[in-house]
Amino acid sequence: MRLSIIIPAYNEEKRIEKTITSYINYFETPLRGEYEIIAVCDGCTDRTPQIVERISEKHKNIFCLRHPERLGKGGGILKSFEFVKGNIIGFVDADNAFEINGIERLINLVNSGYDCAIGSKWKGRGFFQVTEPFSRKIGSRIWNLILRILFNLRIDDAQAGAKFLRRKVLESLPPIRCTGFEFDAELLWRISQKKFSIKEIYIPTIHREHSKFKMMDSISMLINILKLRLNIP
């Protein structure tokens, strides 16, 4: 098994080194170097690219992809898909919110036969058990309801930033057009359209401050997802 982990990183100089190092420390010994970590430095105006490149000088399987203009979360991941070499491909957030042993569980699920495995803050959890600000939780539940209505996505946490899938699944999907935060929703919809199996599991998280997602982003997400569903260019 060769594993590819993509980390979208927009102005993450304060935490990208800690996140990448934690993945190196966790996976280096069991995978014996048979993995790669690609940090997508997407329109960064801080030192994120320099930090990643410094790490890559010491670790041959750490890569920095620089994009001078902001592509968006989905746009950066899509560019990374052109670069990755793994049989199992996934992406995680730069804030390292999900416990890494939970990320390993996702990888093992794909390795054992599932086509796609996703981490979830909400699977089997009540509203007050999820450790996020109240407004974020309300927005999350409204978004998930919209996705159920528009796409029949029976997933509790479609937006969570921890998803892994088989290369053959990725290669069989039609072109993905969403390049913002709504990218996750389209990806899962395309996977479900192809009748691939999706396994969602709860993974404990730590709420991190300074999220790059702003509530105003939800407006563009809604517009783009409606255009997608109605097949409007």
Protein backbone atom coordinates (compact mmCIF):
# COMPACT_ATOMS: atom_id res chain seq x y z
CA MET A 1 0.00 0.00 0.00
CA ARG A 2 1.28 3.46 -0.89
CA LEU A 3 -0.50 6.31 0.86
CA SER A 4 -0.91 9.92 -0.27
CA ILE A 5 -2.04 12.54 2.25
CA ILE A 6 -2.93 16.01 0.97
CA ILE A 7 -2.98 19.00 3.33
CA PRO A 8 -4.55 22.19 1.93
CA ALA A 9 -2.60 25.04 3.55
CA TYR A 10 -3.56 28.68 3.18
CA ASN A 11 -1.46 30.92 5.47
CA GLU A 12 -0.83 28.16 8.01
CA GLU A 13 2.67 29.18 9.16
CA LYS A 14 1.69 28.90 12.84
CA ARG A 15 0.66 25.24 12.71
CA ILE A 16 1.71 23.53 9.47
CA GLU A 17 5.05 22.29 10.86
CA LYS A 18 3.42 20.72 13.90
CA THR A 19 0.76 19.06 11.74
CA ILE A 20 3.19 17.59 9.20
CA THR A 21 5.58 16.46 11.92
CA SER A 22 2.82 14.66 13.78
CA TYR A 23 1.96 12.67 10.63
CA ILE A 24 5.61 11.85 9.97
CA ASN A 25 6.06 10.62 13.54
CA TYR A 26 2.90 8.51 13.37
CA PHE A 27 3.29 6.88 9.94
CA GLU A 28 7.02 6.70 9.26
CA THR A 29 7.74 3.49 11.18
CA PRO A 30 4.64 1.38 10.35
CA LEU A 31 4.61 2.38 6.66
CA ARG A 32 8.42 2.31 6.28
CA GLY A 33 8.38 5.40 4.11
CA GLU A 34 5.66 4.09 1.78
CA TYR A 35 3.67 7.30 2.03
CA GLU A 36 3.82 10.88 0.85
CA ILE A 37 2.50 14.12 2.31
CA ILE A 38 1.69 16.94 -0.07
CA ALA A 39 1.10 20.38 1.42
CA VAL A 40 -0.75 22.60 -1.04
CA CYS A 41 0.40 26.14 -0.35
CA ASP A 42 -2.52 27.87 -1.99
CA GLY A 43 -2.01 31.59 -2.55
CA CYS A 44 -0.10 31.95 0.72
CA THR A 45 1.17 35.37 1.73
CA ASP A 46 3.02 34.13 4.82
CA ARG A 47 5.93 31.70 5.41
CA THR A 48 3.93 28.48 4.96
CA PRO A 49 5.74 27.42 1.73
CA GLN A 50 9.18 28.06 3.22
CA ILE A 51 8.34 26.01 6.30
CA VAL A 52 7.11 23.06 4.22
CA GLU A 53 10.14 23.23 1.94
CA ARG A 54 12.44 23.19 4.96
CA ILE A 55 10.75 20.02 6.20
CA SER A 56 10.96 18.47 2.73
CA GLU A 57 14.75 18.95 2.71
CA LYS A 58 14.94 16.46 5.60
CA HIS A 59 12.16 14.11 4.48
CA LYS A 60 12.11 12.99 0.84
CA ASN A 61 8.41 12.03 0.97
CA ILE A 62 7.21 15.51 2.00
CA PHE A 63 6.31 17.82 -0.88
CA CYS A 64 5.30 21.45 -1.23
CA LEU A 65 3.01 22.47 -4.08
CA ARG A 66 3.00 26.22 -4.53
CA HIS A 67 0.20 28.11 -6.25
CA PRO A 68 0.71 31.86 -6.36
CA GLU A 69 -3.00 32.61 -6.78
CA ARG A 70 -5.73 31.43 -4.42
CA LEU A 71 -7.40 28.34 -5.85
CA GLY A 72 -9.70 27.55 -2.93
CA LYS A 73 -9.72 24.38 -0.83
CA GLY A 74 -11.19 22.26 -3.60
CA GLY A 75 -9.04 23.83 -6.30
CA GLY A 76 -5.87 23.06 -4.36
CA ILE A 77 -6.88 19.46 -3.72
CA LEU A 78 -7.80 18.94 -7.37
CA LYS A 79 -4.36 20.18 -8.43
CA SER A 80 -2.82 17.77 -5.93
CA PHE A 81 -4.76 14.85 -7.41
CA GLU A 82 -2.65 15.34 -10.56
CA PHE A 83 0.53 14.85 -8.53
CA VAL A 84 -0.16 12.06 -6.03
CA LYS A 85 1.17 8.53 -6.51
CA GLY A 86 -0.65 6.60 -3.77
CA ASN A 87 -3.07 3.72 -4.15
CA ILE A 88 -4.98 5.27 -1.25
CA ILE A 89 -5.45 9.03 -1.47
CA GLY A 90 -6.86 11.34 1.15
CA PHE A 91 -6.88 14.84 2.52
CA VAL A 92 -6.87 16.29 6.02
CA ASP A 93 -7.08 19.82 7.38
CA ALA A 94 -3.97 21.77 8.32
CA ASP A 95 -5.24 22.40 11.86
CA ASN A 96 -4.76 18.72 12.79
CA ALA A 97 -8.16 18.65 14.49
CA PHE A 98 -8.82 14.91 14.01
CA GLU A 99 -6.96 12.43 16.19
CA ILE A 100 -4.37 10.72 14.01
CA ASN A 101 -5.25 7.23 15.21
CA GLY A 102 -8.71 7.97 13.79
CA ILE A 103 -7.11 8.92 10.47
CA GLU A 104 -5.34 5.55 10.53
CA ARG A 105 -8.73 3.87 10.99
CA LEU A 106 -9.99 5.59 7.82
CA ILE A 107 -6.96 4.37 5.89
CA ASN A 108 -7.43 0.82 7.20
CA LEU A 109 -11.11 0.88 6.18
CA VAL A 110 -10.17 1.73 2.59
CA ASN A 111 -7.36 -0.80 2.64
CA SER A 112 -9.80 -3.48 3.83
CA GLY A 113 -12.31 -2.95 1.03
CA TYR A 114 -14.33 0.25 1.35
CA ASP A 115 -14.09 2.58 -1.62
CA CYS A 116 -14.18 5.73 0.50
CA ALA A 117 -13.95 6.41 4.25
CA ILE A 118 -14.66 9.74 5.90
CA GLY A 119 -14.14 11.07 9.40
CA SER A 120 -17.04 12.65 11.21
CA LYS A 121 -17.57 14.88 14.23
CA TRP A 122 -21.29 14.10 14.18
CA LYS A 123 -21.66 10.36 13.57
CA GLY A 124 -23.56 8.99 16.57
CA ARG A 125 -23.19 12.25 18.49
CA GLY A 126 -25.77 14.64 19.86
CA PHE A 127 -25.78 18.37 19.21
CA PHE A 128 -24.21 19.29 22.53
CA GLN A 129 -21.56 16.57 22.30
CA VAL A 130 -19.85 18.20 19.33
CA THR A 131 -17.08 20.58 20.40
CA GLU A 132 -17.64 23.52 18.06
CA PRO A 133 -19.08 27.01 18.54
CA PHE A 134 -22.87 27.08 18.58
CA SER A 135 -23.14 29.06 15.33
CA ARG A 136 -20.83 26.64 13.51
CA LYS A 137 -22.93 23.68 14.66
CA ILE A 138 -26.14 25.33 13.48
CA GLY A 139 -24.58 26.08 10.11
CA SER A 140 -23.28 22.52 9.83
CA ARG A 141 -26.71 21.00 10.46
CA ILE A 142 -28.40 23.32 7.95
CA TRP A 143 -25.76 22.50 5.33
CA ASN A 144 -26.16 18.78 5.85
CA LEU A 145 -29.92 19.10 5.51
CA ILE A 146 -29.49 20.96 2.22
CA LEU A 147 -27.22 18.20 0.92
CA ARG A 148 -29.74 15.53 1.90
CA ILE A 149 -32.51 17.38 0.05
CA LEU A 150 -30.50 18.22 -3.08
CA PHE A 151 -28.28 15.15 -3.41
CA ASN A 152 -29.78 12.54 -1.10
CA LEU A 153 -26.43 12.36 0.71
CA ARG A 154 -27.08 10.28 3.83
CA ILE A 155 -23.96 11.42 5.61
CA ASP A 156 -23.85 13.10 9.02
CA ASP A 157 -20.78 15.25 8.44
CA ALA A 158 -20.17 15.80 4.74
CA GLN A 159 -17.95 18.82 5.35
CA ALA A 160 -15.45 17.25 7.76
CA GLY A 161 -11.91 17.55 6.45
CA ALA A 162 -10.77 13.93 6.63
CA LYS A 163 -11.55 11.77 3.62
CA PHE A 164 -9.71 8.83 2.01
CA LEU A 165 -10.50 6.87 -1.14
CA ARG A 166 -9.07 4.34 -3.56
CA ARG A 167 -7.21 5.63 -6.60
CA LYS A 168 -9.54 3.66 -8.88
CA VAL A 169 -12.49 5.58 -7.41
CA LEU A 170 -10.85 8.94 -8.05
CA GLU A 171 -9.92 7.98 -11.61
CA SER A 172 -13.48 6.90 -12.43
CA LEU A 173 -15.16 10.15 -11.37
CA PRO A 174 -16.27 12.81 -13.86
CA PRO A 175 -14.51 16.19 -13.67
CA ILE A 176 -15.24 17.96 -10.38
CA ARG A 177 -16.15 21.61 -10.85
CA CYS A 178 -16.45 22.93 -7.29
CA THR A 179 -13.24 24.55 -6.08
CA GLY A 180 -14.30 26.10 -2.78
CA PHE A 181 -15.33 24.55 0.53
CA GLU A 182 -18.30 22.94 -1.24
CA PHE A 183 -15.80 20.65 -3.00
CA ASP A 184 -16.35 17.97 -0.30
CA ALA A 185 -20.05 17.77 -1.07
CA GLU A 186 -19.55 17.35 -4.81
CA LEU A 187 -16.84 14.74 -4.28
CA LEU A 188 -19.13 12.62 -2.09
CA TRP A 189 -22.04 13.07 -4.49
CA ARG A 190 -19.93 11.93 -7.44
CA ILE A 191 -18.74 8.91 -5.48
CA SER A 192 -22.29 7.98 -4.49
CA GLN A 193 -23.50 8.42 -8.07
CA LYS A 194 -21.02 5.75 -9.13
CA LYS A 195 -22.40 3.42 -6.41
CA PHE A 196 -19.08 3.19 -4.60
CA SER A 197 -19.20 2.36 -0.91
CA ILE A 198 -18.77 5.18 1.59
CA LYS A 199 -18.06 4.45 5.25
CA GLU A 200 -18.45 7.26 7.78
CA ILE A 201 -17.04 6.87 11.30
CA TYR A 202 -16.83 9.10 14.33
CA ILE A 203 -13.36 10.40 15.15
CA PRO A 204 -12.71 12.60 18.20
CA THR A 205 -11.67 16.14 17.34
CA ILE A 206 -10.16 19.15 19.02
CA HIS A 207 -11.72 22.47 18.05
CA ARG A 208 -9.04 24.79 16.71
CA GLU A 209 -9.33 28.55 16.57
CA HIS A 210 -8.41 30.61 13.50
CA SER A 211 -10.33 28.49 11.02
CA LYS A 212 -10.00 29.68 7.43
CA PHE A 213 -13.73 29.07 6.93
CA LYS A 214 -15.89 32.13 7.49
CA MET A 215 -19.66 32.17 7.73
CA MET A 216 -19.79 34.38 4.61
CA ASP A 217 -18.26 31.46 2.71
CA SER A 218 -21.53 29.60 3.19
CA ILE A 219 -23.25 31.96 0.74
CA SER A 220 -20.90 31.13 -2.13
CA MET A 221 -21.05 27.45 -1.13
CA LEU A 222 -24.85 27.48 -1.42
CA ILE A 223 -24.80 29.30 -4.77
CA ASN A 224 -22.21 26.91 -6.23
CA ILE A 225 -23.93 23.79 -4.97
CA LEU A 226 -27.28 24.93 -6.38
CA LYS A 227 -25.64 25.65 -9.75
CA LEU A 228 -24.10 22.20 -9.64
CA ARG A 229 -27.40 20.48 -8.89
CA LEU A 230 -29.28 22.46 -11.56
CA ASN A 231 -26.43 21.94 -14.03
CA ILE A 232 -25.92 25.68 -14.49
CA PRO A 233 -22.42 26.61 -15.77
